[in-house]
Amino acid sequence: MLRIKDVLVHDVKTIDKGESVSSAASIMSTFNIGSLIVMENDKPVGIITERDILKKVVAPGRNPKATKVHEVMSRPLVVGDPDMDLEYAAKYMVSKDVKRLPIIERGSW
């Protein structure tokens, strides 16, 4: 049985909640990724995704340089455990209506 820890990405990119959406988009573009974990005082508090930027900034015509990450991020942060099996993780994601599942080891944050 495959576990999350067997397939997860280790180099997760983060951004401070007070940064601009423009900065978030730039980081995503630089690293060719679709989301960033949003941090506050070195703790994960949310996630900002391409979809958040599209639906909450671009479509309504907000200024991405003036809009802060915390204004449009998805929260609360739904997370998984490295020992979850993949099938359970997929069902969990569907039940929580999320497309990305950050994995946090107990006691990491």
N, C-alpha and C. Protein backbone atom coordinates (compact mmCIF):
# COMPACT_ATOMS: atom_id res chain seq x y z
N MET A 1 0.85 -1.18 0.00
CA MET A 1 0.00 0.00 0.00
C MET A 1 0.89 1.24 0.00
N LEU A 2 0.60 2.14 -0.92
CA LEU A 2 1.36 3.39 -0.99
C LEU A 2 0.86 4.39 0.05
N ARG A 3 1.79 5.05 0.64
CA ARG A 3 1.49 6.09 1.63
C ARG A 3 1.86 7.44 1.03
N ILE A 4 1.28 8.49 1.59
CA ILE A 4 1.58 9.85 1.15
C ILE A 4 3.08 10.09 1.15
N LYS A 5 3.77 9.67 2.19
CA LYS A 5 5.21 9.93 2.30
C LYS A 5 6.01 9.31 1.17
N ASP A 6 5.42 8.34 0.45
CA ASP A 6 6.11 7.70 -0.67
C ASP A 6 6.08 8.55 -1.94
N VAL A 7 5.18 9.55 -1.99
CA VAL A 7 5.01 10.31 -3.23
C VAL A 7 5.01 11.83 -3.05
N LEU A 8 5.16 12.30 -1.83
CA LEU A 8 5.03 13.74 -1.61
C LEU A 8 6.22 14.53 -2.12
N VAL A 9 5.96 15.81 -2.38
CA VAL A 9 6.99 16.75 -2.81
C VAL A 9 7.58 17.37 -1.54
N HIS A 10 8.90 17.38 -1.46
CA HIS A 10 9.55 17.87 -0.24
C HIS A 10 9.89 19.36 -0.27
N ASP A 11 10.07 19.91 -1.44
CA ASP A 11 10.50 21.31 -1.56
C ASP A 11 9.27 22.22 -1.69
N VAL A 12 8.57 22.41 -0.59
CA VAL A 12 7.34 23.21 -0.57
C VAL A 12 7.70 24.68 -0.44
N LYS A 13 7.08 25.51 -1.25
CA LYS A 13 7.34 26.95 -1.22
C LYS A 13 6.28 27.62 -0.35
N THR A 14 6.70 28.67 0.36
CA THR A 14 5.80 29.39 1.26
C THR A 14 5.86 30.88 0.97
N ILE A 15 4.88 31.59 1.53
CA ILE A 15 4.84 33.05 1.43
C ILE A 15 4.21 33.59 2.71
N ASP A 16 4.66 34.75 3.13
CA ASP A 16 4.08 35.40 4.30
C ASP A 16 2.70 35.96 3.95
N LYS A 17 1.77 35.91 4.88
CA LYS A 17 0.40 36.35 4.62
C LYS A 17 0.29 37.81 4.24
N GLY A 18 1.29 38.63 4.59
CA GLY A 18 1.26 40.05 4.30
C GLY A 18 1.83 40.44 2.95
N GLU A 19 2.37 39.47 2.23
CA GLU A 19 2.92 39.75 0.90
C GLU A 19 1.78 40.00 -0.11
N SER A 20 2.14 40.60 -1.23
CA SER A 20 1.13 40.88 -2.25
C SER A 20 0.84 39.64 -3.09
N VAL A 21 -0.33 39.64 -3.68
CA VAL A 21 -0.71 38.56 -4.59
C VAL A 21 0.23 38.56 -5.79
N SER A 22 0.68 39.72 -6.20
CA SER A 22 1.64 39.81 -7.30
C SER A 22 2.92 39.05 -6.96
N SER A 23 3.40 39.18 -5.73
CA SER A 23 4.59 38.44 -5.29
C SER A 23 4.33 36.94 -5.30
N ALA A 24 3.15 36.55 -4.85
CA ALA A 24 2.79 35.12 -4.84
C ALA A 24 2.79 34.57 -6.27
N ALA A 25 2.20 35.32 -7.19
CA ALA A 25 2.15 34.87 -8.59
C ALA A 25 3.55 34.77 -9.18
N SER A 26 4.41 35.69 -8.81
CA SER A 26 5.78 35.67 -9.30
C SER A 26 6.52 34.42 -8.81
N ILE A 27 6.36 34.10 -7.53
CA ILE A 27 7.00 32.89 -6.98
C ILE A 27 6.46 31.64 -7.68
N MET A 28 5.16 31.57 -7.85
CA MET A 28 4.56 30.41 -8.52
C MET A 28 5.10 30.28 -9.94
N SER A 29 5.22 31.40 -10.63
CA SER A 29 5.73 31.39 -12.00
C SER A 29 7.19 30.95 -12.04
N THR A 30 8.00 31.50 -11.14
CA THR A 30 9.42 31.17 -11.10
C THR A 30 9.65 29.67 -10.89
N PHE A 31 8.88 29.07 -10.00
CA PHE A 31 9.08 27.67 -9.66
C PHE A 31 8.13 26.73 -10.41
N ASN A 32 7.30 27.30 -11.30
CA ASN A 32 6.36 26.51 -12.09
C ASN A 32 5.48 25.62 -11.20
N ILE A 33 4.88 26.27 -10.20
CA ILE A 33 4.00 25.58 -9.26
C ILE A 33 2.65 26.28 -9.20
N GLY A 34 1.67 25.62 -8.64
CA GLY A 34 0.32 26.17 -8.63
C GLY A 34 -0.20 26.63 -7.29
N SER A 35 0.66 26.57 -6.25
CA SER A 35 0.19 27.01 -4.94
C SER A 35 1.36 27.29 -4.02
N LEU A 36 1.07 28.06 -2.97
CA LEU A 36 2.04 28.36 -1.93
C LEU A 36 1.37 28.21 -0.58
N ILE A 37 2.09 27.70 0.39
CA ILE A 37 1.58 27.65 1.75
C ILE A 37 1.77 29.04 2.34
N VAL A 38 0.73 29.56 2.96
CA VAL A 38 0.77 30.90 3.54
C VAL A 38 1.14 30.78 5.01
N MET A 39 2.14 31.59 5.39
CA MET A 39 2.68 31.52 6.73
C MET A 39 2.39 32.78 7.53
N GLU A 40 2.23 32.60 8.84
CA GLU A 40 2.12 33.72 9.79
C GLU A 40 2.91 33.32 11.03
N ASN A 41 3.91 34.09 11.38
CA ASN A 41 4.76 33.78 12.53
C ASN A 41 5.32 32.35 12.44
N ASP A 42 5.82 31.99 11.27
CA ASP A 42 6.43 30.68 11.02
C ASP A 42 5.48 29.50 11.18
N LYS A 43 4.18 29.76 11.06
CA LYS A 43 3.19 28.69 11.12
C LYS A 43 2.31 28.75 9.88
N PRO A 44 1.93 27.58 9.32
CA PRO A 44 1.06 27.58 8.14
C PRO A 44 -0.37 27.94 8.55
N VAL A 45 -0.95 28.91 7.84
CA VAL A 45 -2.30 29.37 8.17
C VAL A 45 -3.27 29.28 6.99
N GLY A 46 -2.75 28.98 5.82
CA GLY A 46 -3.61 28.91 4.64
C GLY A 46 -2.82 28.49 3.43
N ILE A 47 -3.49 28.56 2.29
CA ILE A 47 -2.86 28.23 1.01
C ILE A 47 -3.40 29.20 -0.02
N ILE A 48 -2.54 29.66 -0.91
CA ILE A 48 -2.99 30.47 -2.03
C ILE A 48 -2.68 29.68 -3.29
N THR A 49 -3.68 29.58 -4.14
CA THR A 49 -3.56 28.79 -5.35
C THR A 49 -3.80 29.66 -6.58
N GLU A 50 -3.46 29.11 -7.72
CA GLU A 50 -3.74 29.80 -8.98
C GLU A 50 -5.23 30.12 -9.07
N ARG A 51 -6.04 29.20 -8.64
CA ARG A 51 -7.49 29.39 -8.69
C ARG A 51 -7.94 30.55 -7.80
N ASP A 52 -7.35 30.66 -6.60
CA ASP A 52 -7.66 31.79 -5.72
C ASP A 52 -7.34 33.11 -6.42
N ILE A 53 -6.19 33.16 -7.06
CA ILE A 53 -5.78 34.38 -7.76
C ILE A 53 -6.73 34.70 -8.91
N LEU A 54 -7.08 33.69 -9.66
CA LEU A 54 -7.97 33.88 -10.80
C LEU A 54 -9.37 34.34 -10.36
N LYS A 55 -9.96 33.62 -9.41
CA LYS A 55 -11.34 33.90 -9.01
C LYS A 55 -11.49 35.11 -8.10
N LYS A 56 -10.48 35.36 -7.25
CA LYS A 56 -10.63 36.40 -6.24
C LYS A 56 -9.88 37.70 -6.56
N VAL A 57 -9.01 37.65 -7.57
CA VAL A 57 -8.24 38.85 -7.92
C VAL A 57 -8.45 39.22 -9.38
N VAL A 58 -8.10 38.34 -10.29
CA VAL A 58 -8.16 38.65 -11.72
C VAL A 58 -9.58 38.87 -12.20
N ALA A 59 -10.48 37.91 -11.97
CA ALA A 59 -11.85 38.02 -12.47
C ALA A 59 -12.58 39.27 -11.96
N PRO A 60 -12.48 39.60 -10.67
CA PRO A 60 -13.15 40.81 -10.20
C PRO A 60 -12.37 42.11 -10.47
N GLY A 61 -11.20 42.01 -11.09
CA GLY A 61 -10.45 43.20 -11.45
C GLY A 61 -9.71 43.88 -10.32
N ARG A 62 -9.33 43.11 -9.30
CA ARG A 62 -8.56 43.68 -8.18
C ARG A 62 -7.10 43.87 -8.60
N ASN A 63 -6.42 44.78 -7.95
CA ASN A 63 -5.02 45.06 -8.23
C ASN A 63 -4.16 44.03 -7.48
N PRO A 64 -3.43 43.15 -8.19
CA PRO A 64 -2.63 42.13 -7.51
C PRO A 64 -1.47 42.69 -6.71
N LYS A 65 -1.01 43.89 -7.04
CA LYS A 65 0.08 44.50 -6.28
C LYS A 65 -0.42 45.08 -4.95
N ALA A 66 -1.68 45.47 -4.92
CA ALA A 66 -2.26 46.06 -3.71
C ALA A 66 -3.00 45.05 -2.86
N THR A 67 -3.37 43.91 -3.44
CA THR A 67 -4.11 42.89 -2.71
C THR A 67 -3.13 41.99 -1.97
N LYS A 68 -3.38 41.79 -0.69
CA LYS A 68 -2.51 40.96 0.14
C LYS A 68 -2.95 39.50 0.08
N VAL A 69 -1.98 38.62 0.23
CA VAL A 69 -2.23 37.18 0.19
C VAL A 69 -3.33 36.77 1.17
N HIS A 70 -3.29 37.31 2.39
CA HIS A 70 -4.27 36.90 3.41
C HIS A 70 -5.70 37.27 3.03
N GLU A 71 -5.87 38.22 2.12
CA GLU A 71 -7.20 38.63 1.70
C GLU A 71 -7.87 37.60 0.79
N VAL A 72 -7.07 36.80 0.10
CA VAL A 72 -7.64 35.89 -0.90
C VAL A 72 -7.25 34.43 -0.70
N MET A 73 -6.42 34.14 0.30
CA MET A 73 -5.99 32.76 0.52
C MET A 73 -7.17 31.89 0.96
N SER A 74 -7.00 30.60 0.78
CA SER A 74 -8.00 29.64 1.26
C SER A 74 -7.61 29.25 2.67
N ARG A 75 -8.59 29.28 3.55
CA ARG A 75 -8.38 28.86 4.92
C ARG A 75 -9.68 28.31 5.47
N PRO A 76 -9.67 27.48 6.45
CA PRO A 76 -8.49 26.99 7.15
C PRO A 76 -7.69 26.04 6.25
N LEU A 77 -6.45 25.85 6.59
CA LEU A 77 -5.57 24.97 5.83
C LEU A 77 -5.94 23.53 6.15
N VAL A 78 -6.34 22.81 5.12
CA VAL A 78 -6.66 21.39 5.25
C VAL A 78 -5.37 20.63 4.98
N VAL A 79 -4.94 19.81 5.93
CA VAL A 79 -3.67 19.10 5.81
C VAL A 79 -3.85 17.60 5.98
N GLY A 80 -2.84 16.88 5.50
CA GLY A 80 -2.81 15.44 5.65
C GLY A 80 -1.59 15.02 6.45
N ASP A 81 -1.51 13.74 6.71
CA ASP A 81 -0.42 13.15 7.48
C ASP A 81 0.42 12.27 6.54
N PRO A 82 1.74 12.25 6.71
CA PRO A 82 2.59 11.45 5.82
C PRO A 82 2.25 9.96 5.80
N ASP A 83 1.63 9.47 6.86
CA ASP A 83 1.32 8.04 6.91
C ASP A 83 -0.06 7.68 6.35
N MET A 84 -0.79 8.67 5.85
CA MET A 84 -2.09 8.38 5.22
C MET A 84 -1.85 7.53 3.98
N ASP A 85 -2.74 6.57 3.72
CA ASP A 85 -2.59 5.85 2.46
C ASP A 85 -3.22 6.70 1.36
N LEU A 86 -2.77 6.50 0.13
CA LEU A 86 -3.17 7.36 -0.98
C LEU A 86 -4.67 7.33 -1.25
N GLU A 87 -5.27 6.16 -1.16
CA GLU A 87 -6.71 6.07 -1.41
C GLU A 87 -7.50 6.88 -0.38
N TYR A 88 -7.13 6.75 0.88
CA TYR A 88 -7.80 7.53 1.92
C TYR A 88 -7.58 9.01 1.69
N ALA A 89 -6.36 9.41 1.35
CA ALA A 89 -6.04 10.82 1.11
C ALA A 89 -6.92 11.38 -0.02
N ALA A 90 -7.09 10.61 -1.09
CA ALA A 90 -7.92 11.06 -2.20
C ALA A 90 -9.38 11.26 -1.76
N LYS A 91 -9.89 10.33 -1.00
CA LYS A 91 -11.27 10.45 -0.50
C LYS A 91 -11.40 11.63 0.46
N TYR A 92 -10.38 11.82 1.28
CA TYR A 92 -10.37 12.93 2.22
C TYR A 92 -10.40 14.26 1.47
N MET A 93 -9.61 14.37 0.42
CA MET A 93 -9.58 15.59 -0.39
C MET A 93 -10.94 15.87 -1.01
N VAL A 94 -11.58 14.86 -1.51
CA VAL A 94 -12.92 15.03 -2.09
C VAL A 94 -13.90 15.48 -1.02
N SER A 95 -13.84 14.86 0.14
CA SER A 95 -14.78 15.22 1.22
C SER A 95 -14.56 16.65 1.71
N LYS A 96 -13.35 17.14 1.63
CA LYS A 96 -13.02 18.50 2.07
C LYS A 96 -13.07 19.51 0.92
N ASP A 97 -13.33 19.01 -0.30
CA ASP A 97 -13.40 19.85 -1.51
C ASP A 97 -12.12 20.65 -1.72
N VAL A 98 -10.97 19.95 -1.64
CA VAL A 98 -9.68 20.58 -1.90
C VAL A 98 -8.94 19.83 -3.00
N LYS A 99 -8.13 20.57 -3.74
CA LYS A 99 -7.37 19.97 -4.83
C LYS A 99 -5.90 19.78 -4.47
N ARG A 100 -5.48 20.38 -3.37
CA ARG A 100 -4.11 20.25 -2.89
C ARG A 100 -4.16 19.90 -1.41
N LEU A 101 -3.27 19.01 -1.00
CA LEU A 101 -3.26 18.56 0.38
C LEU A 101 -1.85 18.67 0.96
N PRO A 102 -1.56 19.79 1.62
CA PRO A 102 -0.25 19.91 2.27
C PRO A 102 -0.11 18.83 3.35
N ILE A 103 1.08 18.27 3.42
CA ILE A 103 1.35 17.22 4.38
C ILE A 103 2.22 17.76 5.50
N ILE A 104 1.75 17.59 6.72
CA ILE A 104 2.48 18.10 7.88
C ILE A 104 2.65 16.97 8.88
N GLU A 105 3.89 16.73 9.26
CA GLU A 105 4.15 15.72 10.28
C GLU A 105 3.72 16.26 11.63
N ARG A 106 3.17 15.42 12.46
CA ARG A 106 2.76 15.85 13.80
C ARG A 106 3.94 16.47 14.51
N GLY A 107 3.70 17.62 15.11
CA GLY A 107 4.75 18.31 15.85
C GLY A 107 5.66 19.18 15.01
N SER A 108 5.46 19.20 13.68
CA SER A 108 6.32 20.01 12.83
C SER A 108 6.06 21.49 13.00
N TRP A 109 4.79 21.85 13.21
CA TRP A 109 4.44 23.26 13.36
C TRP A 109 3.64 23.45 14.60
